[in-house]
Amino acid sequence: MRTTLEYENTIVAELAGEHDATLKQLEDRLPCDIGIRGNVITLQGDDAGVERGRAVIEELVELIAAGHEINGETVASVGSMMAEDGGAGRPSEIYSEVVWEHRGRRIVPKTINQKKYIDSIRGHSITFGIGPAGTGKTYLALAMAVSELLSKKVNRIILTRPAVEAGEKIGFLPGTMLEKVDPYLRPLFDALYDMIEPDRLTSLMEKGAIEVAPLAFMRGRTLNDSFIILDEAQNTSPEQMKMFLTRLGFASRMVVTGDITQVDLPDIRFSGLATVVDILGEVADIAFINFESKDVVRHKLVQKIVAAYKNYSGMQR
């Protein structure tokens, strides 16, 4: 089967990408042969492959028309979404969900599970995002938090992580307590700088509208009118997890993120994240979203690494 698609030159140029980089990704991903000549795209192969190729290209064209940047990551994401039947909508609809925009850069869900995650955060007081690194668990939650703070839906953002000692005793490190735990919290600051101008972020932190602190600082508090994120939750104990969850106050929402395969505690059985599904799985207004290697939105090799480690772990049991 052979079919042709004709679009404006600017759209075809965007699909091809600089030095045909995006076209090469399309050729790798589509189950048919693809050629571009002028403003005409030609697809050739068996009927199913050509129809699948047409559907992917049409979705990408809609994204271009909506102002989204098309690159290899977008091609991979759209292709993966269209291979699933997740019931979350077409890729162009999922990408239209702009969580936050900064300096013209849009933060959007890029997989079906990421869309479910965003919807769960909006619809529940507590959401757990569980899965491997690179699936956007923390980044999307931070984007949601920044959006809600700057639109005045909450009065403050509170970001926290357990300061697990990785071979060093914190008490012997130089500096104040905050300086000692800064390496544990630095990834959260890095993400915030992606979303807020540095001067504005400094101002918000000085006013207390954004607080970044180790988990131990949460004890004894009631957090009202806040967006609260607990990152690296696999390194909490069950007691710490209970302590954190019971900080939830009125008009607040919590997001808990972590990766059960990356526990730094001496025994995974003592991870608060590993046990919380069994304890709270049936409680209303609490959602659990499980991410998989297919949700990794970093380099495609990262997906393969995550999947390989998962398979290896399964064989060792």
Protein backbone atom coordinates (compact mmCIF):
# COMPACT_ATOMS: atom_id res chain seq x y z
CA MET A 1 0.00 0.00 0.00
CA ARG A 2 1.20 3.50 -0.84
CA THR A 3 -0.34 6.77 0.28
CA THR A 4 0.63 10.44 0.24
CA LEU A 5 -0.03 13.24 2.72
CA GLU A 6 0.29 16.88 1.74
CA TYR A 7 0.85 19.70 4.22
CA GLU A 8 2.21 23.24 4.24
CA ASN A 9 5.95 23.49 3.75
CA THR A 10 6.48 24.85 7.29
CA ILE A 11 4.73 21.83 8.83
CA VAL A 12 6.68 19.32 6.73
CA ALA A 13 9.93 21.11 7.63
CA GLU A 14 9.03 20.82 11.32
CA LEU A 15 8.29 17.12 10.90
CA ALA A 16 11.65 16.59 9.22
CA GLY A 17 13.53 18.55 11.88
CA GLU A 18 16.95 20.15 11.71
CA HIS A 19 19.27 18.08 9.51
CA ASP A 20 16.38 15.57 9.18
CA ALA A 21 16.88 14.49 12.81
CA THR A 22 13.15 14.09 13.51
CA LEU A 23 12.61 12.34 10.17
CA LYS A 24 15.20 9.74 11.19
CA GLN A 25 13.26 9.15 14.41
CA LEU A 26 10.06 8.76 12.39
CA GLU A 27 11.74 6.25 10.09
CA ASP A 28 12.87 4.23 13.13
CA ARG A 29 9.46 4.35 14.81
CA LEU A 30 6.94 3.98 11.99
CA PRO A 31 6.00 0.47 10.77
CA CYS A 32 6.28 1.62 7.15
CA ASP A 33 8.68 3.38 4.82
CA ILE A 34 8.49 7.18 4.83
CA GLY A 35 9.74 9.70 2.31
CA ILE A 36 9.50 13.49 2.13
CA ARG A 37 9.72 15.47 -1.10
CA GLY A 38 8.78 19.13 -0.95
CA ASN A 39 5.55 19.38 0.98
CA VAL A 40 4.47 15.79 0.27
CA ILE A 41 4.98 12.87 2.66
CA THR A 42 4.84 9.37 1.17
CA LEU A 43 4.11 6.26 3.22
CA GLN A 44 4.61 2.79 1.81
CA GLY A 45 4.20 -0.68 3.32
CA ASP A 46 1.50 -3.11 4.33
CA ASP A 47 -1.99 -1.73 4.97
CA ALA A 48 -1.76 -1.81 8.78
CA GLY A 49 1.68 -0.21 8.83
CA VAL A 50 0.69 2.63 6.51
CA GLU A 51 -2.49 3.34 8.47
CA ARG A 52 -0.52 3.40 11.72
CA GLY A 53 2.05 5.73 10.14
CA ARG A 54 -0.67 8.04 8.87
CA ALA A 55 -2.27 8.21 12.34
CA VAL A 56 1.06 9.07 14.03
CA ILE A 57 1.89 11.78 11.51
CA GLU A 58 -1.59 13.30 11.78
CA GLU A 59 -1.19 13.51 15.56
CA LEU A 60 2.23 15.16 15.17
CA VAL A 61 0.79 17.66 12.68
CA GLU A 62 -1.91 18.59 15.21
CA LEU A 63 0.76 19.14 17.84
CA ILE A 64 2.74 21.37 15.48
CA ALA A 65 -0.41 23.38 14.70
CA ALA A 66 -0.97 23.83 18.44
CA GLY A 67 2.53 25.24 18.88
CA HIS A 68 4.31 22.23 20.39
CA GLU A 69 7.95 21.57 19.59
CA ILE A 70 8.45 18.31 17.73
CA ASN A 71 11.62 16.33 18.35
CA GLY A 72 12.72 12.72 18.78
CA GLU A 73 11.27 12.57 22.28
CA THR A 74 7.87 13.72 21.01
CA VAL A 75 7.91 11.16 18.20
CA ALA A 76 8.74 8.36 20.64
CA SER A 77 6.06 9.51 23.09
CA VAL A 78 3.30 9.82 20.47
CA GLY A 79 4.23 6.45 18.97
CA SER A 80 4.10 4.74 22.37
CA MET A 81 0.78 6.35 23.30
CA MET A 82 -0.84 5.29 20.07
CA ALA A 83 0.32 1.73 20.61
CA GLU A 84 -1.65 1.64 23.88
CA ASP A 85 -5.36 1.62 24.56
CA GLY A 86 -5.28 3.60 27.79
CA GLY A 87 -8.57 5.44 27.34
CA ALA A 88 -6.88 8.75 28.21
CA GLY A 89 -7.42 10.34 24.80
CA ARG A 90 -5.38 10.98 21.67
CA PRO A 91 -1.77 12.19 22.04
CA SER A 92 -2.68 15.65 20.70
CA GLU A 93 -5.35 15.90 23.42
CA ILE A 94 -2.97 14.72 26.15
CA TYR A 95 -0.27 17.16 25.06
CA SER A 96 -2.81 19.99 25.08
CA GLU A 97 -2.88 19.69 28.90
CA VAL A 98 -0.35 22.42 29.68
CA VAL A 99 0.57 22.07 33.36
CA TRP A 100 2.94 25.06 33.43
CA GLU A 101 4.64 27.31 30.92
CA HIS A 102 7.88 29.20 31.55
CA ARG A 103 9.94 31.20 29.04
CA GLY A 104 7.83 29.76 26.23
CA ARG A 105 8.58 26.18 27.33
CA ARG A 106 5.50 24.10 28.04
CA ILE A 107 5.43 21.38 30.65
CA VAL A 108 2.88 18.79 29.53
CA PRO A 109 2.15 15.11 30.19
CA LYS A 110 3.90 12.97 27.58
CA THR A 111 2.52 9.51 28.33
CA ILE A 112 -0.89 8.12 29.23
CA ASN A 113 0.24 7.42 32.78
CA GLN A 114 1.51 10.97 33.14
CA LYS A 115 -1.93 12.25 32.08
CA LYS A 116 -3.58 9.95 34.63
CA TYR A 117 -1.14 11.25 37.24
CA ILE A 118 -2.04 14.89 36.56
CA ASP A 119 -5.75 14.06 36.67
CA SER A 120 -5.29 12.16 39.95
CA ILE A 121 -3.45 15.07 41.58
CA ARG A 122 -6.28 17.40 40.60
CA GLY A 123 -8.94 14.99 41.81
CA HIS A 124 -7.50 13.64 45.08
CA SER A 125 -6.15 15.03 48.33
CA ILE A 126 -3.24 12.57 48.28
CA THR A 127 -1.62 11.03 45.19
CA PHE A 128 1.23 8.51 45.12
CA GLY A 129 3.42 8.42 42.02
CA ILE A 130 5.47 5.22 42.10
CA GLY A 131 7.94 4.13 39.44
CA PRO A 132 11.44 4.42 37.95
CA ALA A 133 13.56 7.52 37.50
CA GLY A 134 12.85 9.67 34.47
CA THR A 135 9.08 9.15 34.43
CA GLY A 136 8.34 12.76 35.45
CA LYS A 137 6.88 11.96 38.87
CA THR A 138 8.54 14.79 40.75
CA TYR A 139 8.87 17.24 37.87
CA LEU A 140 5.17 17.16 36.97
CA ALA A 141 4.15 17.42 40.63
CA LEU A 142 6.40 20.48 41.02
CA ALA A 143 4.91 22.04 37.89
CA MET A 144 1.42 21.48 39.32
CA ALA A 145 2.50 23.01 42.63
CA VAL A 146 4.02 26.10 40.97
CA SER A 147 0.90 26.55 38.84
CA GLU A 148 -1.40 26.39 41.87
CA LEU A 149 0.78 28.73 43.94
CA LEU A 150 1.13 31.41 41.30
CA SER A 151 -2.58 31.23 40.45
CA LYS A 152 -3.28 31.64 44.20
CA LYS A 153 -5.07 28.30 44.59
CA VAL A 154 -2.73 27.54 47.51
CA ASN A 155 -0.71 29.85 49.75
CA ARG A 156 2.53 27.87 49.80
CA ILE A 157 4.50 24.96 48.44
CA ILE A 158 6.33 22.60 50.78
CA LEU A 159 8.92 20.25 49.28
CA THR A 160 10.59 17.60 51.37
CA ARG A 161 12.85 14.57 51.12
CA PRO A 162 14.22 12.11 53.67
CA ALA A 163 17.91 12.89 54.25
CA VAL A 164 19.19 9.33 54.10
CA GLU A 165 22.86 9.11 55.03
CA ALA A 166 24.70 7.63 52.05
CA GLY A 167 27.84 6.42 53.79
CA GLU A 168 28.41 9.73 55.62
CA LYS A 169 27.26 10.93 59.01
CA ILE A 170 25.42 14.22 58.63
CA GLY A 171 26.48 15.36 62.07
CA PHE A 172 30.12 15.35 61.01
CA LEU A 173 29.59 17.37 57.83
CA PRO A 174 30.56 21.07 57.96
CA GLY A 175 28.04 23.90 58.01
CA THR A 176 24.55 24.53 59.37
CA MET A 177 21.87 21.83 59.30
CA LEU A 178 20.41 23.24 56.06
CA GLU A 179 23.87 23.32 54.49
CA LYS A 180 24.41 19.72 55.56
CA VAL A 181 21.21 18.48 53.92
CA ASP A 182 21.50 20.72 50.83
CA PRO A 183 22.89 17.88 48.64
CA TYR A 184 19.74 15.83 49.35
CA LEU A 185 17.45 18.74 48.43
CA ARG A 186 19.43 20.14 45.49
CA PRO A 187 17.45 18.23 42.78
CA LEU A 188 14.28 19.97 43.98
CA PHE A 189 15.94 23.39 43.70
CA ASP A 190 17.19 22.52 40.21
CA ALA A 191 13.66 21.70 39.07
CA LEU A 192 12.27 24.89 40.60
CA TYR A 193 14.83 27.00 38.73
CA ASP A 194 13.47 25.45 35.51
CA MET A 195 10.02 26.81 36.32
CA ILE A 196 10.51 30.15 38.11
CA GLU A 197 12.91 33.04 37.51
CA PRO A 198 15.76 32.94 40.07
CA ASP A 199 14.97 36.37 41.58
CA ARG A 200 11.30 35.49 41.95
CA LEU A 201 12.12 32.09 43.45
CA THR A 202 14.42 33.71 46.00
CA SER A 203 11.69 36.18 46.91
CA LEU A 204 9.06 33.44 47.30
CA MET A 205 11.38 31.41 49.52
CA GLU A 206 12.23 34.41 51.69
CA LYS A 207 8.50 35.05 52.17
CA GLY A 208 7.90 31.41 53.09
CA ALA A 209 5.68 30.79 50.07
CA ILE A 210 8.07 28.03 48.98
CA GLU A 211 9.76 25.90 51.60
CA VAL A 212 12.30 23.16 50.87
CA ALA A 213 13.25 21.13 53.93
CA PRO A 214 14.25 17.63 55.05
CA LEU A 215 11.45 15.35 56.18
CA ALA A 216 12.46 15.60 59.84
CA PHE A 217 11.37 19.27 59.77
CA MET A 218 7.74 18.22 59.13
CA ARG A 219 7.20 16.62 62.54
CA GLY A 220 4.59 18.28 64.74
CA ARG A 221 3.19 20.55 62.00
CA THR A 222 -0.27 20.86 60.44
CA LEU A 223 -0.01 22.06 56.85
CA ASN A 224 -3.08 24.00 55.73
CA ASP A 225 -3.70 25.61 52.34
CA SER A 226 -0.54 24.04 50.94
CA PHE A 227 0.73 21.90 48.07
CA ILE A 228 3.06 19.39 49.72
CA ILE A 229 5.44 17.05 47.88
CA LEU A 230 7.40 14.21 49.47
CA ASP A 231 10.12 13.06 47.08
CA GLU A 232 12.28 9.90 47.31
CA ALA A 233 9.62 8.40 49.57
CA GLN A 234 11.08 4.90 49.22
CA ASN A 235 13.65 6.01 51.80
CA THR A 236 11.10 6.75 54.50
CA SER A 237 10.34 4.33 57.30
CA PRO A 238 6.70 3.34 57.85
CA GLU A 239 6.70 5.62 60.91
CA GLN A 240 8.02 8.55 58.88
CA MET A 241 5.45 7.94 56.16
CA LYS A 242 2.64 7.98 58.72
CA MET A 243 4.06 11.14 60.30
CA PHE A 244 4.18 12.88 56.93
CA LEU A 245 0.71 11.88 55.73
CA THR A 246 -0.88 13.01 59.00
CA ARG A 247 0.50 16.54 58.44
CA LEU A 248 -2.26 17.06 55.82
CA GLY A 249 -4.34 20.11 56.70
CA PHE A 250 -7.42 21.81 55.31
CA ALA A 251 -7.45 22.95 51.64
CA SER A 252 -4.17 21.12 51.01
CA ARG A 253 -3.06 18.36 48.70
CA MET A 254 -0.12 15.99 48.94
CA VAL A 255 1.93 14.19 46.31
CA VAL A 256 4.27 11.36 47.32
CA THR A 257 6.82 10.12 44.79
CA GLY A 258 9.34 7.31 44.88
CA ASP A 259 10.87 4.24 43.28
CA ILE A 260 10.62 0.97 45.20
CA THR A 261 13.62 -0.41 43.27
CA GLN A 262 15.90 2.37 44.58
CA VAL A 263 15.58 1.92 48.35
CA ASP A 264 18.69 3.11 50.22
CA LEU A 265 17.51 1.70 53.55
CA PRO A 266 19.17 -1.45 54.94
CA ASP A 267 16.04 -3.52 54.23
CA ILE A 268 13.29 -2.79 51.68
CA ARG A 269 10.75 -4.24 54.12
CA PHE A 270 11.30 -1.16 56.27
CA SER A 271 10.37 1.24 53.45
CA GLY A 272 7.26 3.29 54.15
CA LEU A 273 6.51 3.43 50.43
CA ALA A 274 6.70 -0.36 50.07
CA THR A 275 4.01 -0.88 52.72
CA VAL A 276 1.70 2.09 52.12
CA VAL A 277 -0.26 0.51 49.24
CA ASP A 278 -1.31 -2.38 51.49
CA ILE A 279 -2.30 0.03 54.27
CA LEU A 280 -4.07 2.80 52.31
CA GLY A 281 -4.94 1.15 48.98
CA GLU A 282 -8.67 1.12 49.70
CA VAL A 283 -8.94 4.56 51.37
CA ALA A 284 -11.07 7.07 49.48
CA ASP A 285 -9.49 10.30 48.18
CA ILE A 286 -6.07 8.63 47.89
CA ALA A 287 -4.81 7.65 44.42
CA PHE A 288 -1.91 5.42 43.36
CA ILE A 289 -0.35 5.83 39.91
CA ASN A 290 2.25 3.25 38.91
CA PHE A 291 4.76 4.27 36.25
CA GLU A 292 6.67 1.82 34.08
CA SER A 293 9.76 1.89 31.89
CA LYS A 294 7.60 2.97 28.92
CA ASP A 295 6.88 6.21 30.83
CA VAL A 296 10.54 7.20 30.95
CA VAL A 297 10.88 10.42 28.95
CA ARG A 298 14.66 10.67 29.02
CA HIS A 299 16.99 9.16 26.40
CA LYS A 300 15.41 6.03 24.89
CA LEU A 301 18.33 3.98 26.22
CA VAL A 302 17.16 4.79 29.77
CA GLN A 303 13.91 2.90 29.05
CA LYS A 304 15.92 -0.15 28.03
CA ILE A 305 18.13 0.09 31.12
CA VAL A 306 15.12 0.32 33.45
CA ALA A 307 13.43 -2.63 31.73
CA ALA A 308 16.62 -4.72 31.84
CA TYR A 309 17.10 -4.15 35.56
CA LYS A 310 13.43 -5.00 36.17
CA ASN A 311 13.83 -8.28 34.29
CA TYR A 312 17.04 -9.08 36.13
CA SER A 313 15.37 -8.45 39.52
CA GLY A 314 12.51 -10.76 38.52
CA MET A 315 14.92 -13.55 37.65
CA GLN A 316 16.68 -13.28 41.02
CA ARG A 317 13.48 -13.96 42.99
